[in-house]
């Protein structure tokens, strides 16, 4: 039997719920021109309240996402209550827990814990 050596690198983490691929389909948007701000409505009325409810059960403290690196989107998510980390913490996240498929995206979060 070959002994296995495990090296652990420890760092602080914050339990979070990640929103993935949060967007409105362009075909839907084109066909429903009278409907505006459907993404914001879905977020405020459904996504955030469900995340808050789930956080009381699973212990999540943040709601987070990786935004495409476009100021229009970053501003949009900021308007929904998301914020960026400072540059040092952002680099730390990118070097430890950022998925490769989100390579150019910007980590944003908001607090969903009442504590």
N, C-alpha and C. Protein backbone atom coordinates (compact mmCIF):
# COMPACT_ATOMS: atom_id res chain seq x y z
N UNK A 1 0.84 -1.17 0.00
CA UNK A 1 0.00 0.00 0.00
C UNK A 1 0.89 1.24 0.00
N UNK A 2 0.58 2.19 -0.89
CA UNK A 2 1.36 3.41 -1.00
C UNK A 2 0.74 4.48 -0.10
N UNK A 3 1.54 5.07 0.80
CA UNK A 3 0.98 6.13 1.65
C UNK A 3 0.62 7.36 0.80
N UNK A 4 -0.45 7.99 1.17
CA UNK A 4 -0.91 9.18 0.47
C UNK A 4 -0.62 10.40 1.33
N UNK A 5 0.03 11.38 0.76
CA UNK A 5 0.31 12.62 1.46
C UNK A 5 -0.65 13.69 0.97
N UNK A 6 -1.32 14.33 1.88
CA UNK A 6 -2.28 15.37 1.52
C UNK A 6 -1.80 16.69 2.10
N UNK A 7 -1.68 17.68 1.26
CA UNK A 7 -1.33 19.02 1.70
C UNK A 7 -2.56 19.88 1.60
N UNK A 8 -2.92 20.53 2.68
CA UNK A 8 -4.10 21.38 2.69
C UNK A 8 -3.68 22.84 2.75
N UNK A 9 -4.27 23.62 1.91
CA UNK A 9 -4.10 25.06 1.98
C UNK A 9 -5.40 25.61 2.53
N UNK A 10 -5.36 26.21 3.68
CA UNK A 10 -6.56 26.71 4.32
C UNK A 10 -6.74 28.19 4.04
N UNK A 11 -7.96 28.59 3.81
CA UNK A 11 -8.29 29.99 3.68
C UNK A 11 -9.72 30.17 4.12
N UNK A 12 -10.04 31.38 4.54
CA UNK A 12 -11.41 31.66 4.99
C UNK A 12 -12.35 31.66 3.80
N UNK A 13 -13.52 31.12 4.03
CA UNK A 13 -14.55 31.14 3.00
C UNK A 13 -15.84 31.67 3.61
N UNK A 14 -16.71 32.13 2.77
CA UNK A 14 -18.02 32.58 3.19
C UNK A 14 -19.04 31.75 2.44
N UNK A 15 -19.93 31.04 3.17
CA UNK A 15 -20.92 30.22 2.48
C UNK A 15 -21.84 31.11 1.65
N UNK A 16 -22.06 30.69 0.39
CA UNK A 16 -22.82 31.53 -0.53
C UNK A 16 -23.65 30.68 -1.48
N UNK A 17 -24.64 31.33 -2.06
CA UNK A 17 -25.44 30.74 -3.13
C UNK A 17 -25.05 31.48 -4.40
N UNK A 18 -24.61 30.74 -5.41
CA UNK A 18 -24.21 31.38 -6.66
C UNK A 18 -25.36 31.36 -7.66
N UNK A 19 -25.60 32.52 -8.25
CA UNK A 19 -26.55 32.61 -9.36
C UNK A 19 -25.73 32.43 -10.63
N UNK A 20 -26.10 31.46 -11.42
CA UNK A 20 -25.36 31.18 -12.64
C UNK A 20 -26.22 31.49 -13.86
N UNK A 21 -25.63 32.11 -14.85
CA UNK A 21 -26.31 32.43 -16.11
C UNK A 21 -27.58 33.24 -15.90
N UNK A 22 -27.50 34.26 -15.09
CA UNK A 22 -28.64 35.13 -14.81
C UNK A 22 -28.78 36.14 -15.95
N UNK A 23 -29.72 35.88 -16.85
CA UNK A 23 -29.91 36.74 -18.02
C UNK A 23 -31.31 36.50 -18.57
N UNK A 24 -31.76 37.44 -19.40
CA UNK A 24 -33.04 37.29 -20.09
C UNK A 24 -32.74 36.93 -21.54
N UNK A 25 -33.40 35.91 -22.02
CA UNK A 25 -33.22 35.43 -23.38
C UNK A 25 -33.57 36.53 -24.38
N UNK A 26 -32.68 36.78 -25.34
CA UNK A 26 -32.88 37.85 -26.32
C UNK A 26 -34.11 37.61 -27.20
N UNK A 27 -34.40 36.36 -27.54
CA UNK A 27 -35.61 36.07 -28.33
C UNK A 27 -36.86 36.45 -27.55
N UNK A 28 -36.89 36.12 -26.27
CA UNK A 28 -38.02 36.49 -25.43
C UNK A 28 -38.16 38.01 -25.37
N UNK A 29 -37.04 38.68 -25.14
CA UNK A 29 -37.05 40.14 -25.04
C UNK A 29 -37.57 40.77 -26.34
N UNK A 30 -37.17 40.23 -27.48
CA UNK A 30 -37.60 40.77 -28.77
C UNK A 30 -39.11 40.57 -28.99
N UNK A 31 -39.63 39.44 -28.53
CA UNK A 31 -41.05 39.13 -28.72
C UNK A 31 -41.94 39.81 -27.68
N UNK A 32 -41.38 40.19 -26.56
CA UNK A 32 -42.15 40.78 -25.46
C UNK A 32 -41.69 42.22 -25.20
N UNK A 33 -41.73 43.04 -26.20
CA UNK A 33 -41.23 44.42 -26.07
C UNK A 33 -41.98 45.23 -25.00
N UNK A 34 -43.23 44.88 -24.75
CA UNK A 34 -44.01 45.61 -23.74
C UNK A 34 -43.57 45.27 -22.32
N UNK A 35 -42.90 44.14 -22.17
CA UNK A 35 -42.43 43.70 -20.85
C UNK A 35 -41.03 44.26 -20.64
N UNK A 36 -40.86 45.09 -19.64
CA UNK A 36 -39.53 45.63 -19.37
C UNK A 36 -39.08 45.22 -17.97
N UNK A 37 -37.80 45.16 -17.80
CA UNK A 37 -37.17 44.85 -16.51
C UNK A 37 -37.61 43.51 -15.94
N UNK A 38 -37.80 42.52 -16.82
CA UNK A 38 -38.25 41.19 -16.38
C UNK A 38 -37.19 40.51 -15.51
N UNK A 39 -35.91 40.72 -15.82
CA UNK A 39 -34.83 40.13 -15.01
C UNK A 39 -34.81 40.70 -13.61
N UNK A 40 -34.93 42.01 -13.50
CA UNK A 40 -34.95 42.66 -12.18
C UNK A 40 -36.18 42.22 -11.40
N UNK A 41 -37.31 42.12 -12.08
CA UNK A 41 -38.54 41.69 -11.42
C UNK A 41 -38.38 40.26 -10.88
N UNK A 42 -37.87 39.36 -11.72
CA UNK A 42 -37.67 37.97 -11.28
C UNK A 42 -36.70 37.90 -10.11
N UNK A 43 -35.66 38.74 -10.15
CA UNK A 43 -34.69 38.74 -9.06
C UNK A 43 -35.32 39.21 -7.75
N UNK A 44 -36.00 40.35 -7.80
CA UNK A 44 -36.57 40.96 -6.59
C UNK A 44 -37.72 40.13 -6.03
N UNK A 45 -38.57 39.60 -6.89
CA UNK A 45 -39.77 38.89 -6.44
C UNK A 45 -39.56 37.41 -6.16
N UNK A 46 -38.57 36.79 -6.81
CA UNK A 46 -38.42 35.34 -6.68
C UNK A 46 -37.03 34.89 -6.24
N UNK A 47 -36.01 35.28 -6.97
CA UNK A 47 -34.67 34.75 -6.72
C UNK A 47 -34.14 35.15 -5.35
N UNK A 48 -34.12 36.44 -5.06
CA UNK A 48 -33.57 36.90 -3.77
C UNK A 48 -34.39 36.37 -2.59
N UNK A 49 -35.75 36.46 -2.61
CA UNK A 49 -36.50 35.91 -1.47
C UNK A 49 -36.26 34.41 -1.26
N UNK A 50 -36.16 33.64 -2.35
CA UNK A 50 -35.90 32.20 -2.21
C UNK A 50 -34.50 31.96 -1.65
N UNK A 51 -33.53 32.76 -2.09
CA UNK A 51 -32.16 32.62 -1.57
C UNK A 51 -32.11 32.95 -0.08
N UNK A 52 -32.83 33.99 0.33
CA UNK A 52 -32.87 34.35 1.75
C UNK A 52 -33.51 33.22 2.56
N UNK A 53 -34.60 32.68 2.05
CA UNK A 53 -35.27 31.56 2.74
C UNK A 53 -34.33 30.36 2.84
N UNK A 54 -33.67 30.02 1.74
CA UNK A 54 -32.74 28.89 1.74
C UNK A 54 -31.57 29.14 2.68
N UNK A 55 -31.13 30.39 2.77
CA UNK A 55 -29.96 30.69 3.61
C UNK A 55 -30.22 30.38 5.08
N UNK A 56 -31.47 30.49 5.51
CA UNK A 56 -31.78 30.18 6.90
C UNK A 56 -31.65 28.68 7.18
N UNK A 57 -31.77 27.88 6.13
CA UNK A 57 -31.66 26.43 6.28
C UNK A 57 -30.23 25.95 6.07
N UNK A 58 -29.57 26.49 5.05
CA UNK A 58 -28.24 25.98 4.69
C UNK A 58 -27.08 26.83 5.21
N UNK A 59 -27.38 27.99 5.79
CA UNK A 59 -26.34 28.81 6.38
C UNK A 59 -25.59 29.71 5.42
N UNK A 60 -26.11 29.93 4.23
CA UNK A 60 -25.45 30.83 3.29
C UNK A 60 -25.53 32.26 3.80
N UNK A 61 -24.51 33.01 3.55
CA UNK A 61 -24.47 34.41 3.99
C UNK A 61 -24.49 35.38 2.81
N UNK A 62 -24.04 34.93 1.65
CA UNK A 62 -23.99 35.78 0.47
C UNK A 62 -24.75 35.15 -0.68
N UNK A 63 -25.19 36.01 -1.56
CA UNK A 63 -25.70 35.65 -2.87
C UNK A 63 -24.65 36.20 -3.82
N UNK A 64 -24.14 35.39 -4.75
CA UNK A 64 -23.05 35.87 -5.60
C UNK A 64 -23.25 35.45 -7.04
N UNK A 65 -22.49 36.11 -7.90
CA UNK A 65 -22.50 35.78 -9.33
C UNK A 65 -21.19 36.23 -9.94
N UNK A 66 -20.92 35.75 -11.13
CA UNK A 66 -19.78 36.19 -11.92
C UNK A 66 -20.34 36.93 -13.12
N UNK A 67 -20.17 38.25 -13.14
CA UNK A 67 -20.71 39.09 -14.21
C UNK A 67 -19.73 39.16 -15.38
N UNK A 68 -20.28 39.15 -16.58
CA UNK A 68 -19.43 39.40 -17.73
C UNK A 68 -18.76 40.76 -17.56
N UNK A 69 -17.53 40.91 -18.03
CA UNK A 69 -16.79 42.15 -17.79
C UNK A 69 -17.25 43.31 -18.69
N UNK A 70 -18.50 43.67 -18.56
CA UNK A 70 -19.07 44.78 -19.31
C UNK A 70 -19.69 45.74 -18.29
N UNK A 71 -19.33 47.00 -18.37
CA UNK A 71 -19.81 47.98 -17.38
C UNK A 71 -21.34 48.03 -17.33
N UNK A 72 -21.99 47.85 -18.46
CA UNK A 72 -23.46 47.85 -18.49
C UNK A 72 -24.01 46.78 -17.54
N UNK A 73 -23.42 45.59 -17.58
CA UNK A 73 -23.87 44.50 -16.71
C UNK A 73 -23.46 44.72 -15.26
N UNK A 74 -22.25 45.18 -15.05
CA UNK A 74 -21.79 45.44 -13.69
C UNK A 74 -22.67 46.50 -13.03
N UNK A 75 -23.01 47.54 -13.78
CA UNK A 75 -23.91 48.58 -13.26
C UNK A 75 -25.30 48.01 -13.00
N UNK A 76 -25.77 47.14 -13.88
CA UNK A 76 -27.08 46.52 -13.71
C UNK A 76 -27.13 45.71 -12.41
N UNK A 77 -26.11 44.86 -12.22
CA UNK A 77 -26.06 44.04 -11.01
C UNK A 77 -25.87 44.90 -9.76
N UNK A 78 -25.12 45.98 -9.88
CA UNK A 78 -24.98 46.91 -8.75
C UNK A 78 -26.34 47.48 -8.37
N UNK A 79 -27.16 47.78 -9.37
CA UNK A 79 -28.50 48.29 -9.12
C UNK A 79 -29.39 47.28 -8.42
N UNK A 80 -29.05 46.00 -8.52
CA UNK A 80 -29.80 44.95 -7.82
C UNK A 80 -29.21 44.66 -6.45
N UNK A 81 -28.20 45.43 -6.04
CA UNK A 81 -27.64 45.26 -4.70
C UNK A 81 -26.33 44.51 -4.63
N UNK A 82 -25.77 44.13 -5.77
CA UNK A 82 -24.49 43.41 -5.77
C UNK A 82 -23.35 44.41 -5.74
N UNK A 83 -22.23 43.98 -5.18
CA UNK A 83 -21.04 44.82 -5.13
C UNK A 83 -19.81 43.97 -5.44
N UNK A 84 -18.75 44.65 -5.80
CA UNK A 84 -17.48 43.96 -6.06
C UNK A 84 -16.64 43.97 -4.79
N UNK A 85 -15.72 43.05 -4.74
CA UNK A 85 -14.72 43.05 -3.67
C UNK A 85 -13.66 44.09 -3.99
N UNK A 86 -12.87 44.47 -2.98
CA UNK A 86 -11.72 45.33 -3.28
C UNK A 86 -10.73 44.51 -4.10
N UNK A 87 -9.80 45.18 -4.75
CA UNK A 87 -8.90 44.53 -5.72
C UNK A 87 -8.12 43.36 -5.12
N UNK A 88 -7.60 43.50 -3.90
CA UNK A 88 -6.82 42.42 -3.29
C UNK A 88 -7.68 41.19 -3.05
N UNK A 89 -8.86 41.39 -2.50
CA UNK A 89 -9.75 40.24 -2.25
C UNK A 89 -10.26 39.64 -3.56
N UNK A 90 -10.49 40.48 -4.54
CA UNK A 90 -10.93 39.98 -5.84
C UNK A 90 -9.86 39.07 -6.44
N UNK A 91 -8.61 39.48 -6.39
CA UNK A 91 -7.52 38.65 -6.90
C UNK A 91 -7.40 37.35 -6.12
N UNK A 92 -7.63 37.41 -4.81
CA UNK A 92 -7.58 36.21 -3.99
C UNK A 92 -8.67 35.23 -4.42
N UNK A 93 -9.89 35.72 -4.61
CA UNK A 93 -10.98 34.85 -5.07
C UNK A 93 -10.62 34.22 -6.40
N UNK A 94 -10.10 35.02 -7.32
CA UNK A 94 -9.78 34.52 -8.65
C UNK A 94 -8.68 33.45 -8.60
N UNK A 95 -7.78 33.55 -7.66
CA UNK A 95 -6.69 32.57 -7.59
C UNK A 95 -7.07 31.32 -6.81
N UNK A 96 -8.21 31.34 -6.09
CA UNK A 96 -8.57 30.19 -5.26
C UNK A 96 -9.87 29.49 -5.65
N UNK A 97 -10.89 30.23 -5.98
CA UNK A 97 -12.19 29.58 -6.17
C UNK A 97 -12.92 29.96 -7.46
N UNK A 98 -12.31 30.72 -8.33
CA UNK A 98 -12.98 31.14 -9.56
C UNK A 98 -12.92 30.02 -10.59
N UNK A 99 -14.08 29.59 -11.09
CA UNK A 99 -14.09 28.54 -12.12
C UNK A 99 -13.43 29.02 -13.41
N UNK A 100 -12.77 28.12 -14.12
CA UNK A 100 -12.09 28.48 -15.37
C UNK A 100 -13.05 29.03 -16.41
N UNK A 101 -14.28 28.54 -16.46
CA UNK A 101 -15.21 29.02 -17.48
C UNK A 101 -15.68 30.45 -17.19
N UNK A 102 -15.40 30.98 -16.01
CA UNK A 102 -15.71 32.37 -15.67
C UNK A 102 -14.44 33.24 -15.73
N UNK A 103 -13.48 32.83 -16.55
CA UNK A 103 -12.15 33.42 -16.57
C UNK A 103 -12.13 34.94 -16.59
N UNK A 104 -12.90 35.58 -17.44
CA UNK A 104 -12.85 37.04 -17.54
C UNK A 104 -13.95 37.73 -16.76
N UNK A 105 -14.78 36.98 -16.06
CA UNK A 105 -15.93 37.56 -15.37
C UNK A 105 -15.54 38.21 -14.05
N UNK A 106 -16.43 39.05 -13.55
CA UNK A 106 -16.20 39.82 -12.33
C UNK A 106 -17.07 39.24 -11.20
N UNK A 107 -16.44 38.85 -10.10
CA UNK A 107 -17.15 38.33 -8.94
C UNK A 107 -17.90 39.48 -8.26
N UNK A 108 -19.20 39.27 -8.01
CA UNK A 108 -20.01 40.25 -7.30
C UNK A 108 -20.86 39.51 -6.27
N UNK A 109 -21.21 40.19 -5.19
CA UNK A 109 -21.94 39.53 -4.11
C UNK A 109 -22.87 40.52 -3.42
N UNK A 110 -23.79 39.96 -2.62
CA UNK A 110 -24.58 40.76 -1.70
C UNK A 110 -24.89 39.93 -0.48
N UNK A 111 -25.02 40.58 0.65
CA UNK A 111 -25.29 39.92 1.91
C UNK A 111 -26.76 39.52 1.96
N UNK A 112 -27.05 38.27 2.30
CA UNK A 112 -28.43 37.82 2.44
C UNK A 112 -28.71 37.30 3.84
N UNK A 113 -27.74 37.47 4.71
CA UNK A 113 -27.86 36.99 6.09
C UNK A 113 -28.24 38.15 6.99
N UNK A 114 -29.23 37.93 7.84
CA UNK A 114 -29.67 39.01 8.73
C UNK A 114 -28.78 39.18 9.95
N UNK A 115 -27.87 38.26 10.18
CA UNK A 115 -26.97 38.34 11.36
C UNK A 115 -25.94 39.42 11.20
